[in-house]
Protein backbone atom coordinates (compact mmCIF):
# COMPACT_ATOMS: atom_id res chain seq x y z
CA MET A 1 167.16 42.52 -86.87
CA ARG A 2 166.36 43.88 -83.42
CA ILE A 3 162.64 44.08 -84.29
CA MET A 4 162.58 40.38 -85.34
CA MET A 5 164.23 39.28 -82.08
CA LEU A 6 161.71 41.26 -80.04
CA ARG A 7 158.80 39.63 -81.91
CA ARG A 8 160.32 36.13 -81.36
CA SER A 9 160.75 36.83 -77.65
CA LYS A 10 157.15 37.91 -77.30
CA ALA A 11 155.98 34.72 -79.06
CA VAL A 12 158.06 32.51 -76.74
CA ALA A 13 156.72 34.34 -73.69
CA ALA A 14 153.13 33.85 -74.89
CA VAL A 15 153.66 30.08 -75.43
CA ALA A 16 155.20 29.72 -71.96
CA ALA A 17 152.31 31.56 -70.31
CA LEU A 18 149.80 29.32 -72.14
CA ALA A 19 151.66 26.18 -70.98
CA VAL A 20 151.63 27.33 -67.34
CA THR A 21 147.89 28.02 -67.55
CA LEU A 22 147.15 24.53 -68.95
CA ALA A 23 149.32 22.87 -66.30
CA ALA A 24 147.51 24.75 -63.53
CA LEU A 25 144.08 23.74 -64.88
CA GLN A 26 144.63 20.13 -66.01
CA GLY A 27 147.83 19.03 -64.23
CA LEU A 28 150.58 16.98 -65.85
CA SER A 29 148.11 15.31 -68.23
CA ALA A 30 148.03 18.50 -70.25
CA PHE A 31 151.56 17.66 -71.52
CA THR A 32 151.66 13.85 -71.66
CA GLY A 33 148.06 13.05 -72.50
CA VAL A 34 148.10 10.17 -69.96
CA ALA A 35 146.38 10.14 -66.55
CA GLN A 36 149.00 10.57 -63.83
CA PRO A 37 148.86 8.91 -60.37
CA ARG A 38 147.58 10.91 -57.44
CA HIS A 39 150.32 12.43 -55.32
CA ARG A 40 149.92 12.36 -51.56
CA PRO A 41 152.92 13.78 -49.70
CA ALA A 42 152.31 11.85 -46.46
CA GLY A 43 151.86 8.33 -47.79
CA GLN A 44 153.18 8.67 -51.33
CA PHE A 45 151.11 5.79 -52.78
CA VAL A 46 149.41 5.20 -56.15
CA VAL A 47 145.65 4.83 -56.73
CA VAL A 48 144.92 2.03 -59.21
CA GLU A 49 141.74 0.52 -60.64
CA ASN A 50 142.48 -3.15 -59.81
CA LEU A 51 144.61 -4.49 -56.95
CA PRO A 52 147.29 -7.12 -57.64
CA LYS A 53 146.52 -10.64 -56.47
CA GLY A 54 147.10 -11.15 -52.73
CA MET A 55 146.88 -7.47 -51.74
CA VAL A 56 144.17 -5.77 -49.69
CA CYS A 57 143.11 -2.17 -50.10
CA ARG A 58 143.33 -0.05 -46.95
CA ALA A 59 140.23 1.86 -48.03
CA MET A 60 138.01 -1.17 -47.24
CA PRO A 61 136.09 -1.17 -43.95
CA GLU A 62 137.85 -2.74 -40.95
CA ASN A 63 134.90 -4.95 -40.03
CA SER A 64 134.88 -6.61 -43.45
CA LEU A 65 137.86 -8.82 -42.57
CA GLY A 66 139.37 -8.11 -45.97
CA LEU A 67 136.31 -9.28 -47.94
CA TRP A 68 134.67 -7.18 -50.64
CA GLN A 69 131.26 -5.84 -49.58
CA GLY A 70 130.38 -3.70 -52.55
CA ALA A 71 131.23 -0.33 -53.95
CA ASP A 72 128.76 1.46 -51.68
CA LYS A 73 130.92 0.80 -48.59
CA TYR A 74 134.24 1.32 -50.27
CA GLY A 75 136.28 4.27 -49.01
CA ILE A 76 133.92 5.32 -46.20
CA GLN A 77 136.00 7.51 -43.86
CA ASP A 78 134.00 6.82 -40.70
CA THR A 79 134.58 3.05 -40.92
CA ARG A 80 138.38 2.99 -41.25
CA ARG A 81 141.30 4.64 -39.59
CA GLU A 82 143.02 7.49 -41.34
CA TRP A 83 146.32 6.43 -42.80
CA ASP A 84 148.66 9.40 -42.73
CA PRO A 85 152.18 8.33 -41.68
CA VAL A 86 154.90 10.84 -40.88
CA PRO A 87 157.57 10.85 -43.57
CA ARG A 88 160.97 9.54 -42.29
CA TRP A 89 159.70 8.95 -38.74
CA ARG A 90 162.58 8.16 -36.36
CA GLY A 91 160.82 7.61 -33.07
CA GLU A 92 159.75 9.85 -30.25
CA SER A 93 161.91 12.81 -29.23
CA THR A 94 164.13 12.48 -26.14
CA TRP A 95 162.39 13.29 -22.88
CA ARG A 96 163.83 16.27 -21.01
CA ALA A 97 163.25 17.52 -17.52
CA ARG A 98 161.45 20.81 -18.03
CA GLY A 99 159.45 23.32 -16.04
CA GLU A 100 158.70 22.58 -12.43
CA ILE A 101 160.70 19.33 -12.44
CA GLN A 102 163.82 21.51 -12.19
CA GLY A 103 162.41 23.41 -9.21
CA ASP A 104 164.28 23.49 -5.91
CA SER A 105 161.44 21.68 -4.16
CA HIS A 106 162.28 18.51 -6.13
CA ARG A 107 166.03 18.60 -5.46
CA GLN A 108 167.67 16.03 -3.21
CA TRP A 109 170.11 16.84 -0.40
CA TYR A 110 173.37 14.89 0.06
CA HIS A 111 175.77 14.82 3.00
CA PHE A 112 179.53 14.35 2.53
CA ASP A 113 181.91 13.61 5.39
CA ALA A 114 185.38 14.85 4.39
CA GLU A 115 187.24 13.26 7.30
CA GLY A 116 190.34 11.42 6.06
CA LYS A 117 189.41 11.74 2.37
CA THR A 118 191.71 12.87 -0.42
CA LEU A 119 190.94 16.45 -1.43
CA GLY A 120 190.78 15.88 -5.19
CA TRP A 121 188.54 12.81 -4.99
CA ILE A 122 185.90 14.35 -2.75
CA ALA A 123 185.94 17.65 -4.68
CA GLN A 124 185.17 15.88 -7.97
CA ALA A 125 182.37 13.84 -6.38
CA VAL A 126 180.79 17.00 -4.90
CA ALA A 127 181.00 18.77 -8.27
CA ARG A 128 179.27 15.88 -10.05
CA VAL A 129 176.39 15.87 -7.55
CA LEU A 130 176.01 19.67 -7.73
CA MET A 131 175.77 19.65 -11.52
CA GLY A 132 173.53 16.55 -11.56
CA LYS A 133 175.82 14.41 -13.70
CA ASP A 134 175.04 11.35 -11.57
CA SER A 135 171.27 11.79 -12.08
CA PRO A 136 169.37 9.62 -14.57
CA LEU A 137 167.64 12.81 -15.79
CA TRP A 138 170.95 14.40 -16.81
CA ASP A 139 170.96 15.52 -20.46
CA GLY A 140 173.58 18.29 -20.46
CA ARG A 141 171.16 21.22 -20.54
CA SER A 142 168.59 20.64 -17.79
CA ASP A 143 169.44 21.68 -14.25
CA VAL A 144 168.83 18.47 -12.25
CA GLY A 145 171.59 18.87 -9.66
CA ALA A 146 171.24 18.46 -5.90
CA TYR A 147 172.20 20.30 -2.74
CA VAL A 148 175.43 19.21 -1.02
CA VAL A 149 176.36 19.56 2.64
CA VAL A 150 180.04 18.91 3.45
CA THR A 151 181.16 18.51 7.07
CA ASN A 152 184.57 18.07 8.71
CA CYS A 153 186.24 20.31 6.13
CA GLU A 154 189.19 20.79 8.49
CA LYS A 155 189.96 17.03 8.38
CA VAL A 156 190.43 16.74 4.61
CA ARG A 157 193.82 15.37 3.58
CA VAL A 158 196.32 15.77 0.73
CA THR A 159 199.06 13.40 -0.41
CA GLY A 160 202.81 13.85 -0.53
CA LYS A 161 204.31 17.15 0.60
CA LYS A 162 201.32 19.25 -0.41
CA TYR A 163 200.46 19.89 3.22
CA HIS A 164 203.59 22.05 3.51
CA TYR A 165 204.16 23.23 -0.07
CA LYS A 166 200.73 23.59 -1.72
CA LEU A 167 200.09 27.31 -2.28
CA TYR A 168 196.89 29.32 -2.68
CA PHE A 169 196.93 32.70 -4.44
CA ARG A 170 194.28 35.41 -4.29
CA ASN A 171 193.97 39.02 -5.48
CA LEU A 172 190.53 40.30 -4.58
CA SER A 173 191.30 43.86 -5.70
CA PHE A 174 192.77 42.76 -9.07
CA LYS A 175 195.49 45.38 -8.70
CA PRO A 176 199.23 44.90 -9.24
CA GLY A 177 201.07 44.24 -6.02
CA HIS A 178 197.96 43.05 -4.12
CA LEU A 179 198.55 39.34 -4.69
CA LYS A 180 198.35 37.24 -1.53
CA CYS A 181 199.96 33.82 -1.13
CA GLU A 182 199.20 31.30 1.61
CA ARG A 183 200.18 27.72 2.33
CA PHE A 184 197.76 24.82 2.61
CA LYS A 185 198.52 24.24 6.30
CA ASP A 186 197.94 27.93 7.13
CA ILE A 187 194.55 28.08 5.40
CA LEU A 188 193.58 24.79 7.06
CA ASN A 189 194.04 26.47 10.45
CA ARG A 190 192.50 29.83 9.51
CA PHE A 191 189.69 29.06 7.04
CA PRO A 192 189.24 25.29 6.38
CA GLU A 193 186.12 25.77 4.24
CA ARG A 194 188.06 27.77 1.66
CA ILE A 195 190.19 24.74 0.75
CA MET A 196 187.11 22.68 -0.14
CA MET A 197 185.57 25.70 -1.83
CA LYS A 198 188.55 26.21 -4.15
CA ALA A 199 188.81 22.49 -4.94
CA VAL A 200 185.11 22.13 -5.83
CA TRP A 201 185.11 25.27 -7.98
CA GLY A 202 188.18 24.00 -9.81
CA SER A 203 186.28 20.78 -10.65
CA MET A 204 183.28 22.63 -12.14
CA PRO A 205 182.97 24.30 -15.56
CA THR A 206 183.50 28.06 -15.62
CA THR A 207 180.02 29.02 -16.80
CA ALA A 208 177.26 31.25 -15.44
CA LYS A 209 175.12 28.22 -14.63
CA ALA A 210 177.93 26.51 -12.69
CA ARG A 211 178.64 29.74 -10.80
CA ARG A 212 175.00 30.02 -9.74
CA VAL A 213 174.88 26.36 -8.68
CA PHE A 214 178.13 26.73 -6.74
CA LYS A 215 176.91 29.76 -4.81
CA GLU A 216 173.40 28.47 -4.03
CA ARG A 217 173.73 24.72 -3.35
CA LEU A 218 177.13 24.10 -1.75
CA LYS A 219 177.05 24.18 2.06
CA LEU A 220 180.40 23.83 3.88
CA PHE A 221 180.92 23.32 7.62
CA THR A 222 183.74 22.59 10.03
CA GLY A 223 183.04 19.85 12.51
CA PRO A 224 180.50 17.02 12.28
CA ASN A 225 177.34 19.20 12.62
CA HIS A 226 175.47 21.36 10.11
CA LEU A 227 172.33 23.49 9.86
CA TYR A 228 170.24 21.44 7.42
CA TYR A 229 168.99 18.46 9.42
CA ASP A 230 165.43 19.51 8.54
CA LYS A 231 166.16 18.71 4.87
CA ASP A 232 166.94 15.09 5.82
CA PRO A 233 170.07 14.80 3.60
CA ILE A 234 171.07 11.41 2.24
CA GLU A 235 174.46 10.05 3.30
CA TYR A 236 176.72 9.83 0.26
CA PRO A 237 178.56 6.45 0.00
CA MET A 238 181.95 7.67 1.19
CA HIS A 239 183.52 4.23 0.77
CA LEU A 240 183.60 4.96 -2.97
CA LEU A 241 186.02 7.86 -2.39
CA LYS A 242 189.72 7.29 -1.85
CA ASP A 243 191.13 7.63 1.66
CA CYS A 244 194.40 9.47 2.21
CA LEU A 245 196.67 7.13 4.20
CA HIS A 246 200.21 7.56 5.46
CA THR A 247 201.37 4.87 3.03
CA HIS A 248 200.43 7.17 0.13
CA ASN A 249 203.02 9.73 1.22
CA VAL A 250 206.03 7.47 0.63
CA PRO A 251 207.49 6.70 -2.82
CA ARG A 252 205.74 3.96 -4.69
CA ARG A 253 208.80 1.73 -4.65
CA LEU A 254 208.79 1.84 -0.84
CA GLN A 255 205.09 1.23 -0.29
CA ILE A 256 204.28 -1.96 1.56
CA LEU A 257 202.00 -3.41 -1.09
CA GLU A 258 204.51 -2.65 -3.82
CA MET A 259 207.33 -4.25 -1.84
CA VAL A 260 205.34 -7.36 -0.93
CA LYS A 261 204.08 -7.98 -4.46
CA LYS A 262 207.05 -6.97 -6.60
CA ARG A 263 210.27 -5.90 -4.91
CA ILE A 264 210.66 -8.62 -2.27
CA PRO A 265 210.03 -11.57 -4.67
CA LYS A 266 212.31 -9.96 -7.24
CA ASN A 267 215.06 -9.44 -4.67
CA ARG A 268 214.79 -13.07 -3.60
CA GLU A 269 215.10 -14.26 -7.16
CA LEU A 270 218.01 -11.88 -7.73
CA LEU A 271 219.78 -13.23 -4.63
CA LYS A 272 219.28 -16.78 -5.89
CA VAL A 273 220.78 -15.82 -9.25
CA LYS A 274 223.80 -14.28 -7.53
CA GLN A 275 224.29 -17.41 -5.45
CA ASP A 276 224.09 -19.60 -8.56
CA ILE A 277 226.65 -17.42 -10.32
CA GLU A 278 229.01 -17.55 -7.35
CA ALA A 279 228.60 -21.34 -7.10
CA ALA A 280 229.37 -21.68 -10.81
CA LYS A 281 232.50 -19.54 -10.39
CA ASN A 282 233.70 -21.61 -7.42
CA LEU A 283 233.10 -24.84 -9.34
CA HIS A 284 235.08 -23.49 -12.28
CA ARG A 285 237.98 -22.47 -9.97
CA TYR A 286 237.91 -25.85 -8.28
CA LYS A 287 238.11 -27.66 -11.62
CA VAL A 288 241.08 -25.50 -12.68
CA PHE A 289 242.74 -26.16 -9.32
CA LEU A 290 242.33 -29.96 -9.66
CA LYS A 291 243.60 -29.85 -13.23
CA ASP A 292 246.75 -27.96 -12.20
CA GLN A 293 247.30 -30.27 -9.24
CA LEU A 294 247.06 -33.38 -11.43
CA ALA A 295 249.66 -31.87 -13.74
CA ARG A 296 252.01 -31.27 -10.77
CA GLU A 297 251.56 -34.77 -9.35
CA GLY A 298 252.53 -36.37 -12.65
CA ASP A 299 251.15 -39.24 -14.68
CA GLY A 300 249.00 -41.83 -12.91
CA ALA A 301 247.99 -39.47 -10.10
CA GLU A 302 244.31 -39.82 -10.94
CA GLU A 303 244.58 -43.61 -10.40
CA ARG A 304 246.47 -43.74 -7.14
CA MET A 305 244.85 -40.73 -5.40
CA GLU A 306 241.30 -39.80 -4.53
CA ILE A 307 239.88 -36.34 -5.24
CA ASP A 308 239.89 -35.33 -1.56
CA GLU A 309 243.49 -36.49 -1.12
CA LEU A 310 244.53 -34.65 -4.27
CA ALA A 311 242.85 -31.47 -3.05
CA MET A 312 244.55 -31.80 0.37
CA HIS A 313 248.00 -32.13 -1.21
CA GLY A 314 247.38 -29.09 -3.36
CA GLU A 315 246.14 -26.99 -0.39
CA GLN A 316 249.18 -27.91 1.71
CA LYS A 317 251.55 -26.91 -1.07
CA ARG A 318 249.69 -23.61 -1.56
CA MET A 319 249.88 -22.78 2.17
CA LYS A 320 253.57 -23.68 2.24
CA ALA A 321 254.27 -21.38 -0.72
CA ILE A 322 252.43 -18.48 0.98
CA LEU A 323 254.35 -19.08 4.22
CA GLU A 324 257.69 -18.99 2.41
CA GLU A 325 256.71 -15.82 0.53
CA PHE A 326 255.67 -13.76 3.58
CA GLU A 327 258.05 -15.24 6.19
CA GLY A 328 259.99 -12.44 7.99
CA LYS A 329 257.83 -9.67 6.52
CA PRO A 330 255.43 -7.44 8.48
CA THR A 331 251.79 -8.38 8.48
CA PRO A 332 249.94 -6.35 5.82
CA LYS A 333 247.21 -4.11 7.16
CA GLY A 334 243.78 -3.97 5.64
CA GLY A 335 242.13 -0.81 4.31
CA LEU A 336 240.10 1.48 6.51
CA SER A 337 236.42 0.63 6.65
CA MET A 338 235.56 4.16 7.79
CA TYR A 339 237.00 7.63 7.52
CA THR A 340 238.95 8.62 10.61
CA PHE A 341 237.20 11.76 11.81
CA PRO A 342 233.56 11.78 10.63
CA LYS A 343 233.23 7.99 10.95
CA ILE A 344 231.55 7.63 7.61
CA ARG A 345 231.59 4.17 6.12
CA ARG A 346 233.72 3.91 3.02
CA ARG A 347 232.03 2.30 0.06
CA LYS A 348 233.36 1.38 -3.30
CA ILE A 349 232.09 3.56 -6.14
CA LYS A 350 230.25 1.41 -8.66
CA GLN A 351 229.72 2.30 -12.27
CA HIS A 352 226.16 2.14 -13.51
CA TRP A 353 225.62 -0.48 -16.20
CA ARG A 354 223.93 2.04 -18.53
CA HIS A 355 227.13 4.12 -18.72
CA GLY A 356 229.65 1.34 -18.99
CA LYS A 357 230.19 -2.38 -18.67
CA PRO A 358 227.31 -4.06 -16.84
CA ASP A 359 228.07 -5.07 -13.28
CA SER A 360 226.95 -8.52 -12.21
CA LEU A 361 225.37 -7.04 -9.09
CA GLU A 362 223.45 -4.25 -10.80
CA SER A 363 221.67 -5.57 -13.87
CA TYR A 364 218.98 -8.18 -13.32
CA ASP A 365 218.70 -9.20 -16.96
CA TYR A 366 222.47 -9.36 -17.26
CA LEU A 367 222.62 -11.69 -14.28
CA LEU A 368 220.04 -14.02 -15.79
CA ALA A 369 221.93 -14.17 -19.10
CA LYS A 370 225.22 -14.74 -17.30
CA ARG A 371 223.67 -17.47 -15.19
CA ARG A 372 222.42 -19.29 -18.31
CA ASN A 373 225.83 -19.00 -19.96
CA MET A 374 227.81 -20.28 -16.97
CA LEU A 375 225.43 -23.11 -16.10
CA GLY A 376 224.93 -24.11 -19.72
CA GLU A 377 221.19 -23.47 -19.67
CA THR A 378 219.14 -22.57 -22.71
CA ALA A 379 216.90 -19.52 -23.07
CA ASN A 380 213.77 -21.67 -22.93
CA GLU A 381 214.74 -23.10 -19.56
């Protein structure tokens, strides 16, 4: 049995070797018996005997204007351009700044004036110019950055309370217990350039390339002068960077622009709503007063008396009742408006509307709803 299987395997191997030999000598026609089209990897077209109607063969000479001039001139290579397109061509590759274009002799110099500018804004702008992100040649890998000269480093500003509370830590020995801490205002007096240095380095990526750029191209100076006038640096448009003003150091709700645009108009509208609510309450009290007075005057009082006369009668009776009630009694004293010793004004403690019943003087939306209810207005009005 094993001998028969070995003989069959040898026969199969011989047939396969013969088939490979025929395919190598005659191509695919050795198996199918039919002439196969020519295969050209670049163009991938078929060579046929006769062209379909309306088509022109590219093998014809260019000066024939598409007319047949005989088989002797057909397919002459020196009279037609070679047609060899690139498979799946997707356009030219992206141009990159290479070689000497990235040399220091082609780099631009920029001048930044840090006087009155916010520290974070100017630091980010300097970092972008150093790395070349604002350059049209920027592609992420090429080094197309510029040199930067920053003057007036001692006049840079920070917002809020950072002038007093912003801290800078350093440990140059990298040993436990050698950590140094210093305030912003102290470094500004001792070493103003270090503040800009730390801010710019914090805005750059922590890579070897960024470290080299930071050390070689950033030039910091105190005062308006520098040492690179021979490089003719270009003035950076500082109006694009945010100024640090005194109005930025107050809370947003107290800033002038915020108050003029939002708080003052809203307070005026809130005051008008309060006045409308108070007027509606007074009108309601007056109607109740007139109704009670008509009941006391008896039937027919609305015919024989005017409204003003009816109100006068009611007010006289009310004053007479108060006089009879408090006659012979000491005059009641009002509450103290201030504490006796420290002279602190006494104010009534109000409950916030979020933790209890809404107060008409605290909730703006509640006042609007109450105004609509008392005046009989609809939500659309």
